[in-house]
Amino acid sequence: MAAVLACGPGAVLSHGSALTLWGIWKRWDLPFDVTVGTDRRPRGVQVHRNKLDDQDLTTHLDIPVTTLARALLDQAKGMPQKSLNRAINNGREAGYVHISQLEDVVDRNPRHPGRPAIEYCIGVAPERPSKSDFEDDFPAFCARYGLPQPEMNASVCGHTVDALFVKEKVIVELDGWLFHSSRFSFEDDRDRDADTTAAGFVTVRLTKARLRQDPQREADRLSAILKLRRSA
């Protein structure tokens, strides 16, 4: 807030600082990024001079800031594609940004240097956002080892599963410690397994450590399971 106030009326936190305020980045890089419509440039602040549209402005935690859609556009050019895609999915999961808002911000800024990167990400974005890099990487793993493409974050028996091979009725749960380490997650996972098993689905649990240590073994085993299910 001090950085925004130092830049005068109409100033808003933006770029990487906005991503941190929205909870997408977990660090505060210095100097703080602030977008202004004037030529005010206080020391210790990275000032971006730009006249923003009203729909790009909001407040979060009582601090004037660009919308998450605008912050992603402003920061996109300097981010690796995978990091940008993860940031978009994290924002979607949190409810702070929707694909329609990203489409709108790139349409209104056809010459913005971040536009191509955002357009690429939303062009391949699934209907349902993924929760982790592990989920982002799984379709590519399947393609690399000749496995069918799964439906990600599918709904089965009223539960959302990480990956579903529809024809074979095989569910793959991509078990990372972050999302499966609480007692609630432990109980919820087993409740979901019981419901889906009763409905004729098979659940395979795959960890990132196993996939990293011996991907060929995991691919061969999953392929064998899918073949058995197809022939059953």
C-alpha atoms as a PDB file:
ATOM      1  CA  MET A   1       0.000   0.000   0.000  1.00  0.00           C
ATOM      2  CA  ALA A   2       2.872   2.387   0.747  1.00  0.00           C
ATOM      3  CA  ALA A   3       4.249   1.859  -2.765  1.00  0.00           C
ATOM      4  CA  VAL A   4       0.831   2.584  -4.307  1.00  0.00           C
ATOM      5  CA  LEU A   5       0.268   5.689  -2.199  1.00  0.00           C
ATOM      6  CA  ALA A   6       3.731   7.002  -3.064  1.00  0.00           C
ATOM      7  CA  CYS A   7       2.747   6.990  -6.741  1.00  0.00           C
ATOM      8  CA  GLY A   8      -0.245   9.251  -6.285  1.00  0.00           C
ATOM      9  CA  PRO A   9      -3.966   9.090  -7.125  1.00  0.00           C
ATOM     10  CA  GLY A  10      -5.004   6.363  -9.551  1.00  0.00           C
ATOM     11  CA  ALA A  11      -1.915   4.225  -8.972  1.00  0.00           C
ATOM     12  CA  VAL A  12      -2.377   0.458  -8.645  1.00  0.00           C
ATOM     13  CA  LEU A  13      -0.156  -2.473  -7.754  1.00  0.00           C
ATOM     14  CA  SER A  14       0.581  -4.406 -10.962  1.00  0.00           C
ATOM     15  CA  HIS A  15       2.728  -6.965 -12.793  1.00  0.00           C
ATOM     16  CA  GLY A  16       4.620  -9.360 -10.496  1.00  0.00           C
ATOM     17  CA  SER A  17       3.604  -7.515  -7.331  1.00  0.00           C
ATOM     18  CA  ALA A  18      -0.042  -7.955  -8.296  1.00  0.00           C
ATOM     19  CA  LEU A  19       0.508 -11.692  -8.821  1.00  0.00           C
ATOM     20  CA  THR A  20       1.896 -11.905  -5.294  1.00  0.00           C
ATOM     21  CA  LEU A  21      -1.008  -9.938  -3.821  1.00  0.00           C
ATOM     22  CA  TRP A  22      -3.452 -12.291  -5.555  1.00  0.00           C
ATOM     23  CA  GLY A  23      -1.590 -15.243  -4.014  1.00  0.00           C
ATOM     24  CA  ILE A  24      -0.318 -16.611  -7.335  1.00  0.00           C
ATOM     25  CA  TRP A  25       3.332 -15.943  -6.524  1.00  0.00           C
ATOM     26  CA  LYS A  26       4.619 -16.754  -3.043  1.00  0.00           C
ATOM     27  CA  ARG A  27       7.327 -14.098  -2.868  1.00  0.00           C
ATOM     28  CA  TRP A  28       7.606 -10.318  -2.849  1.00  0.00           C
ATOM     29  CA  ASP A  29      10.201  -9.202  -5.378  1.00  0.00           C
ATOM     30  CA  LEU A  30      11.673  -5.740  -4.945  1.00  0.00           C
ATOM     31  CA  PRO A  31      11.141  -3.121  -6.119  1.00  0.00           C
ATOM     32  CA  PHE A  32       7.341  -3.250  -6.047  1.00  0.00           C
ATOM     33  CA  ASP A  33       5.571  -2.881  -9.409  1.00  0.00           C
ATOM     34  CA  VAL A  34       3.039  -0.044  -9.660  1.00  0.00           C
ATOM     35  CA  THR A  35       1.196   1.186 -12.744  1.00  0.00           C
ATOM     36  CA  VAL A  36       0.422   4.908 -12.962  1.00  0.00           C
ATOM     37  CA  GLY A  37      -1.214   7.194 -15.479  1.00  0.00           C
ATOM     38  CA  THR A  38       1.141  10.084 -14.738  1.00  0.00           C
ATOM     39  CA  ASP A  39       4.917  10.536 -14.796  1.00  0.00           C
ATOM     40  CA  ARG A  40       5.359  10.218 -11.042  1.00  0.00           C
ATOM     41  CA  ARG A  41       8.384   8.040 -10.236  1.00  0.00           C
ATOM     42  CA  PRO A  42       9.202   7.732  -6.507  1.00  0.00           C
ATOM     43  CA  ARG A  43      12.440   6.048  -5.503  1.00  0.00           C
ATOM     44  CA  GLY A  44      12.289   2.355  -4.667  1.00  0.00           C
ATOM     45  CA  VAL A  45       9.262   1.613  -6.886  1.00  0.00           C
ATOM     46  CA  GLN A  46       9.233   0.086 -10.367  1.00  0.00           C
ATOM     47  CA  VAL A  47       6.804   2.381 -12.159  1.00  0.00           C
ATOM     48  CA  HIS A  48       4.912   1.318 -15.298  1.00  0.00           C
ATOM     49  CA  ARG A  49       3.288   4.223 -17.072  1.00  0.00           C
ATOM     50  CA  ASN A  50       0.048   3.148 -18.711  1.00  0.00           C
ATOM     51  CA  LYS A  51      -3.566   4.265 -18.868  1.00  0.00           C
ATOM     52  CA  LEU A  52      -5.559   1.204 -17.860  1.00  0.00           C
ATOM     53  CA  ASP A  53      -9.174   0.466 -18.721  1.00  0.00           C
ATOM     54  CA  ASP A  54     -11.616   0.633 -15.818  1.00  0.00           C
ATOM     55  CA  GLN A  55     -12.285  -3.114 -16.110  1.00  0.00           C
ATOM     56  CA  ASP A  56      -8.598  -3.758 -15.352  1.00  0.00           C
ATOM     57  CA  LEU A  57      -8.793  -2.023 -11.960  1.00  0.00           C
ATOM     58  CA  THR A  58      -9.987  -3.424  -8.647  1.00  0.00           C
ATOM     59  CA  THR A  59      -8.948  -3.795  -5.014  1.00  0.00           C
ATOM     60  CA  HIS A  60      -7.767  -6.882  -3.177  1.00  0.00           C
ATOM     61  CA  LEU A  61      -7.088  -6.957   0.561  1.00  0.00           C
ATOM     62  CA  ASP A  62      -8.011  -3.246   0.441  1.00  0.00           C
ATOM     63  CA  ILE A  63      -5.085  -2.456  -1.878  1.00  0.00           C
ATOM     64  CA  PRO A  64      -5.682  -0.940  -5.348  1.00  0.00           C
ATOM     65  CA  VAL A  65      -4.461  -3.500  -7.858  1.00  0.00           C
ATOM     66  CA  THR A  66      -4.920  -4.642 -11.417  1.00  0.00           C
ATOM     67  CA  THR A  67      -7.242  -7.578 -11.973  1.00  0.00           C
ATOM     68  CA  LEU A  68      -5.533 -10.934 -12.081  1.00  0.00           C
ATOM     69  CA  ALA A  69      -6.285 -11.175 -15.810  1.00  0.00           C
ATOM     70  CA  ARG A  70      -4.465  -7.891 -16.427  1.00  0.00           C
ATOM     71  CA  ALA A  71      -1.555  -8.816 -14.137  1.00  0.00           C
ATOM     72  CA  LEU A  72      -1.083 -12.095 -16.013  1.00  0.00           C
ATOM     73  CA  LEU A  73      -1.093 -10.240 -19.330  1.00  0.00           C
ATOM     74  CA  ASP A  74       1.466  -7.706 -18.081  1.00  0.00           C
ATOM     75  CA  GLN A  75       3.787 -10.385 -16.709  1.00  0.00           C
ATOM     76  CA  ALA A  76       3.275 -13.052 -19.402  1.00  0.00           C
ATOM     77  CA  LYS A  77       6.150 -12.158 -21.719  1.00  0.00           C
ATOM     78  CA  GLY A  78       8.772 -12.740 -19.043  1.00  0.00           C
ATOM     79  CA  MET A  79       7.368 -16.050 -17.784  1.00  0.00           C
ATOM     80  CA  PRO A  80       8.108 -19.572 -19.051  1.00  0.00           C
ATOM     81  CA  GLN A  81       5.019 -21.019 -20.730  1.00  0.00           C
ATOM     82  CA  LYS A  82       4.656 -23.769 -18.128  1.00  0.00           C
ATOM     83  CA  SER A  83       4.851 -21.242 -15.271  1.00  0.00           C
ATOM     84  CA  LEU A  84       2.284 -19.009 -16.938  1.00  0.00           C
ATOM     85  CA  ASN A  85      -0.059 -21.940 -17.480  1.00  0.00           C
ATOM     86  CA  ARG A  86       0.316 -22.927 -13.812  1.00  0.00           C
ATOM     87  CA  ALA A  87      -0.382 -19.334 -12.712  1.00  0.00           C
ATOM     88  CA  ILE A  88      -3.540 -19.236 -14.832  1.00  0.00           C
ATOM     89  CA  ASN A  89      -4.743 -22.555 -13.429  1.00  0.00           C
ATOM     90  CA  ASN A  90      -4.010 -21.478  -9.862  1.00  0.00           C
ATOM     91  CA  GLY A  91      -6.009 -18.307 -10.432  1.00  0.00           C
ATOM     92  CA  ARG A  92      -8.886 -20.289 -11.917  1.00  0.00           C
ATOM     93  CA  GLU A  93      -8.832 -22.733  -9.002  1.00  0.00           C
ATOM     94  CA  ALA A  94      -8.964 -19.812  -6.560  1.00  0.00           C
ATOM     95  CA  GLY A  95     -11.837 -18.188  -8.479  1.00  0.00           C
ATOM     96  CA  TYR A  96      -9.873 -15.009  -9.191  1.00  0.00           C
ATOM     97  CA  VAL A  97      -9.820 -15.318 -12.984  1.00  0.00           C
ATOM     98  CA  HIS A  98     -11.847 -16.999 -15.697  1.00  0.00           C
ATOM     99  CA  ILE A  99     -10.933 -17.858 -19.263  1.00  0.00           C
ATOM    100  CA  SER A 100     -13.509 -15.329 -20.501  1.00  0.00           C
ATOM    101  CA  GLN A 101     -11.685 -12.555 -18.601  1.00  0.00           C
ATOM    102  CA  LEU A 102      -8.377 -13.530 -20.183  1.00  0.00           C
ATOM    103  CA  GLU A 103     -10.008 -13.566 -23.617  1.00  0.00           C
ATOM    104  CA  ASP A 104     -11.385 -10.090 -22.936  1.00  0.00           C
ATOM    105  CA  VAL A 105      -8.085  -8.594 -21.775  1.00  0.00           C
ATOM    106  CA  VAL A 106      -6.155  -9.845 -24.822  1.00  0.00           C
ATOM    107  CA  ASP A 107      -8.925  -8.667 -27.174  1.00  0.00           C
ATOM    108  CA  ARG A 108      -8.681  -5.170 -25.702  1.00  0.00           C
ATOM    109  CA  ASN A 109      -4.882  -5.114 -25.983  1.00  0.00           C
ATOM    110  CA  PRO A 110      -4.017  -6.501 -29.434  1.00  0.00           C
ATOM    111  CA  ARG A 111      -0.460  -5.084 -29.429  1.00  0.00           C
ATOM    112  CA  HIS A 112       0.488  -6.026 -25.884  1.00  0.00           C
ATOM    113  CA  PRO A 113       3.717  -8.104 -25.802  1.00  0.00           C
ATOM    114  CA  GLY A 114       2.113 -10.580 -23.392  1.00  0.00           C
ATOM    115  CA  ARG A 115      -0.786 -11.340 -25.705  1.00  0.00           C
ATOM    116  CA  PRO A 116       0.758 -14.280 -27.662  1.00  0.00           C
ATOM    117  CA  ALA A 117       1.697 -16.160 -24.489  1.00  0.00           C
ATOM    118  CA  ILE A 118      -1.749 -15.720 -22.942  1.00  0.00           C
ATOM    119  CA  GLU A 119      -3.469 -16.712 -26.176  1.00  0.00           C
ATOM    120  CA  TYR A 120      -1.380 -19.867 -26.378  1.00  0.00           C
ATOM    121  CA  CYS A 121      -2.246 -20.881 -22.820  1.00  0.00           C
ATOM    122  CA  ILE A 122      -5.973 -20.237 -23.075  1.00  0.00           C
ATOM    123  CA  GLY A 123      -6.024 -21.903 -26.473  1.00  0.00           C
ATOM    124  CA  VAL A 124      -4.961 -25.190 -24.882  1.00  0.00           C
ATOM    125  CA  ALA A 125      -6.627 -24.678 -21.504  1.00  0.00           C
ATOM    126  CA  PRO A 126      -8.952 -27.495 -20.457  1.00  0.00           C
ATOM    127  CA  GLU A 127     -12.517 -26.796 -19.435  1.00  0.00           C
ATOM    128  CA  ARG A 128     -11.596 -27.676 -15.849  1.00  0.00           C
ATOM    129  CA  PRO A 129      -8.399 -26.205 -14.388  1.00  0.00           C
ATOM    130  CA  SER A 130      -5.739 -28.579 -13.113  1.00  0.00           C
ATOM    131  CA  LYS A 131      -4.544 -28.382  -9.518  1.00  0.00           C
ATOM    132  CA  SER A 132      -0.842 -29.068  -9.947  1.00  0.00           C
ATOM    133  CA  ASP A 133       2.113 -29.389 -12.301  1.00  0.00           C
ATOM    134  CA  PHE A 134       1.750 -33.158 -11.890  1.00  0.00           C
ATOM    135  CA  GLU A 135      -1.686 -32.979 -13.510  1.00  0.00           C
ATOM    136  CA  ASP A 136      -0.378 -30.649 -16.210  1.00  0.00           C
ATOM    137  CA  ASP A 137       2.343 -33.164 -17.118  1.00  0.00           C
ATOM    138  CA  PHE A 138       0.268 -36.358 -17.125  1.00  0.00           C
ATOM    139  CA  PRO A 139      -1.301 -36.027 -20.631  1.00  0.00           C
ATOM    140  CA  ALA A 140       2.176 -35.465 -22.080  1.00  0.00           C
ATOM    141  CA  PHE A 141       3.439 -38.556 -20.224  1.00  0.00           C
ATOM    142  CA  CYS A 142       0.594 -40.584 -21.768  1.00  0.00           C
ATOM    143  CA  ALA A 143       1.414 -39.301 -25.258  1.00  0.00           C
ATOM    144  CA  ARG A 144       5.131 -40.002 -24.828  1.00  0.00           C
ATOM    145  CA  TYR A 145       4.532 -43.655 -23.906  1.00  0.00           C
ATOM    146  CA  GLY A 146       1.741 -44.373 -26.367  1.00  0.00           C
ATOM    147  CA  LEU A 147      -1.102 -44.427 -23.851  1.00  0.00           C
ATOM    148  CA  PRO A 148      -4.593 -43.123 -24.666  1.00  0.00           C
ATOM    149  CA  GLN A 149      -5.303 -39.531 -23.737  1.00  0.00           C
ATOM    150  CA  PRO A 150      -7.212 -39.303 -20.438  1.00  0.00           C
ATOM    151  CA  GLU A 151      -9.956 -36.886 -19.531  1.00  0.00           C
ATOM    152  CA  MET A 152      -8.532 -34.664 -16.804  1.00  0.00           C
ATOM    153  CA  ASN A 153     -10.489 -33.632 -13.695  1.00  0.00           C
ATOM    154  CA  ALA A 154     -13.471 -35.671 -14.812  1.00  0.00           C
ATOM    155  CA  SER A 155     -16.620 -36.217 -12.756  1.00  0.00           C
ATOM    156  CA  VAL A 156     -17.310 -39.810 -11.684  1.00  0.00           C
ATOM    157  CA  CYS A 157     -20.093 -40.756  -9.254  1.00  0.00           C
ATOM    158  CA  GLY A 158     -20.299 -37.175  -8.032  1.00  0.00           C
ATOM    159  CA  HIS A 159     -16.542 -36.972  -7.357  1.00  0.00           C
ATOM    160  CA  THR A 160     -13.834 -35.155  -9.306  1.00  0.00           C
ATOM    161  CA  VAL A 161     -11.032 -37.533 -10.265  1.00  0.00           C
ATOM    162  CA  ASP A 162      -7.603 -36.478 -11.500  1.00  0.00           C
ATOM    163  CA  ALA A 163      -7.600 -38.481 -14.749  1.00  0.00           C
ATOM    164  CA  LEU A 164     -10.076 -40.845 -16.370  1.00  0.00           C
ATOM    165  CA  PHE A 165      -9.628 -43.324 -19.192  1.00  0.00           C
ATOM    166  CA  VAL A 166     -13.270 -43.335 -20.194  1.00  0.00           C
ATOM    167  CA  LYS A 167     -13.447 -46.442 -22.387  1.00  0.00           C
ATOM    168  CA  GLU A 168     -11.568 -48.621 -19.893  1.00  0.00           C
ATOM    169  CA  LYS A 169     -13.240 -47.103 -16.793  1.00  0.00           C
ATOM    170  CA  VAL A 170      -9.807 -46.627 -15.231  1.00  0.00           C
ATOM    171  CA  ILE A 171      -9.238 -43.715 -12.859  1.00  0.00           C
ATOM    172  CA  VAL A 172      -5.715 -42.457 -12.205  1.00  0.00           C
ATOM    173  CA  GLU A 173      -5.195 -40.438  -9.038  1.00  0.00           C
ATOM    174  CA  LEU A 174      -2.002 -38.390  -9.203  1.00  0.00           C
ATOM    175  CA  ASP A 175      -1.057 -38.441  -5.558  1.00  0.00           C
ATOM    176  CA  GLY A 176       1.101 -35.543  -4.467  1.00  0.00           C
ATOM    177  CA  TRP A 177       1.805 -35.026  -0.770  1.00  0.00           C
ATOM    178  CA  LEU A 178       0.509 -31.437  -0.854  1.00  0.00           C
ATOM    179  CA  PHE A 179      -3.040 -32.431  -1.782  1.00  0.00           C
ATOM    180  CA  HIS A 180      -3.271 -35.771   0.024  1.00  0.00           C
ATOM    181  CA  SER A 181      -1.475 -35.218   3.345  1.00  0.00           C
ATOM    182  CA  SER A 182      -4.404 -34.190   5.581  1.00  0.00           C
ATOM    183  CA  ARG A 183      -6.839 -36.450   7.415  1.00  0.00           C
ATOM    184  CA  PHE A 184      -9.690 -34.897   5.405  1.00  0.00           C
ATOM    185  CA  SER A 185      -7.971 -35.808   2.136  1.00  0.00           C
ATOM    186  CA  PHE A 186      -7.219 -39.301   3.446  1.00  0.00           C
ATOM    187  CA  GLU A 187     -10.888 -39.924   4.267  1.00  0.00           C
ATOM    188  CA  ASP A 188     -12.179 -38.219   1.111  1.00  0.00           C
ATOM    189  CA  ASP A 189      -9.883 -40.286  -1.128  1.00  0.00           C
ATOM    190  CA  ARG A 190     -11.129 -43.541   0.340  1.00  0.00           C
ATOM    191  CA  ASP A 191     -14.776 -42.501   0.221  1.00  0.00           C
ATOM    192  CA  ARG A 192     -14.345 -41.667  -3.471  1.00  0.00           C
ATOM    193  CA  ASP A 193     -12.578 -44.987  -4.133  1.00  0.00           C
ATOM    194  CA  ALA A 194     -15.440 -46.933  -2.567  1.00  0.00           C
ATOM    195  CA  ASP A 195     -18.086 -45.123  -4.636  1.00  0.00           C
ATOM    196  CA  THR A 196     -16.233 -45.504  -7.926  1.00  0.00           C
ATOM    197  CA  THR A 197     -15.337 -49.159  -7.303  1.00  0.00           C
ATOM    198  CA  ALA A 198     -18.983 -49.941  -6.615  1.00  0.00           C
ATOM    199  CA  ALA A 199     -19.782 -48.379  -9.997  1.00  0.00           C
ATOM    200  CA  GLY A 200     -17.282 -50.609 -11.817  1.00  0.00           C
ATOM    201  CA  PHE A 201     -14.273 -48.283 -12.039  1.00  0.00           C
ATOM    202  CA  VAL A 202     -10.705 -49.228 -11.194  1.00  0.00           C
ATOM    203  CA  THR A 203      -8.476 -46.683  -9.456  1.00  0.00           C
ATOM    204  CA  VAL A 204      -4.716 -46.566  -9.980  1.00  0.00           C
ATOM    205  CA  ARG A 205      -2.715 -44.312  -7.678  1.00  0.00           C
ATOM    206  CA  LEU A 206       0.432 -42.850  -9.194  1.00  0.00           C
ATOM    207  CA  THR A 207       2.975 -40.778  -7.274  1.00  0.00           C
ATOM    208  CA  LYS A 208       5.321 -38.195  -8.703  1.00  0.00           C
ATOM    209  CA  ALA A 209       8.304 -39.957  -7.109  1.00  0.00           C
ATOM    210  CA  ARG A 210       7.530 -43.259  -8.855  1.00  0.00           C
ATOM    211  CA  LEU A 211       6.941 -41.517 -12.159  1.00  0.00           C
ATOM    212  CA  ARG A 212      10.243 -39.672 -11.878  1.00  0.00           C
ATOM    213  CA  GLN A 213      12.274 -42.713 -10.822  1.00  0.00           C
ATOM    214  CA  ASP A 214      11.030 -45.187 -13.447  1.00  0.00           C
ATOM    215  CA  PRO A 215       8.555 -43.716 -15.959  1.00  0.00           C
ATOM    216  CA  GLN A 216       8.852 -46.678 -18.329  1.00  0.00           C
ATOM    217  CA  ARG A 217       7.815 -49.124 -15.592  1.00  0.00           C
ATOM    218  CA  GLU A 218       4.814 -46.977 -14.668  1.00  0.00           C
ATOM    219  CA  ALA A 219       3.800 -46.627 -18.323  1.00  0.00           C
ATOM    220  CA  ASP A 220       4.083 -50.380 -18.923  1.00  0.00           C
ATOM    221  CA  ARG A 221       2.036 -51.179 -15.847  1.00  0.00           C
ATOM    222  CA  LEU A 222      -0.676 -48.668 -16.701  1.00  0.00           C
ATOM    223  CA  SER A 223      -0.760 -49.952 -20.293  1.00  0.00           C
ATOM    224  CA  ALA A 224      -1.252 -53.510 -19.021  1.00  0.00           C
ATOM    225  CA  ILE A 225      -4.118 -52.403 -16.778  1.00  0.00           C
ATOM    226  CA  LEU A 226      -5.824 -50.587 -19.661  1.00  0.00           C
ATOM    227  CA  LYS A 227      -5.481 -53.657 -21.929  1.00  0.00           C
ATOM    228  CA  LEU A 228      -6.975 -55.930 -19.275  1.00  0.00           C
ATOM    229  CA  ARG A 229      -9.913 -53.575 -18.837  1.00  0.00           C
ATOM    230  CA  ARG A 230     -10.525 -53.389 -22.580  1.00  0.00           C
ATOM    231  CA  SER A 231     -10.566 -57.173 -22.878  1.00  0.00           C
ATOM    232  CA  ALA A 232     -12.728 -57.780 -19.816  1.00  0.00           C
END
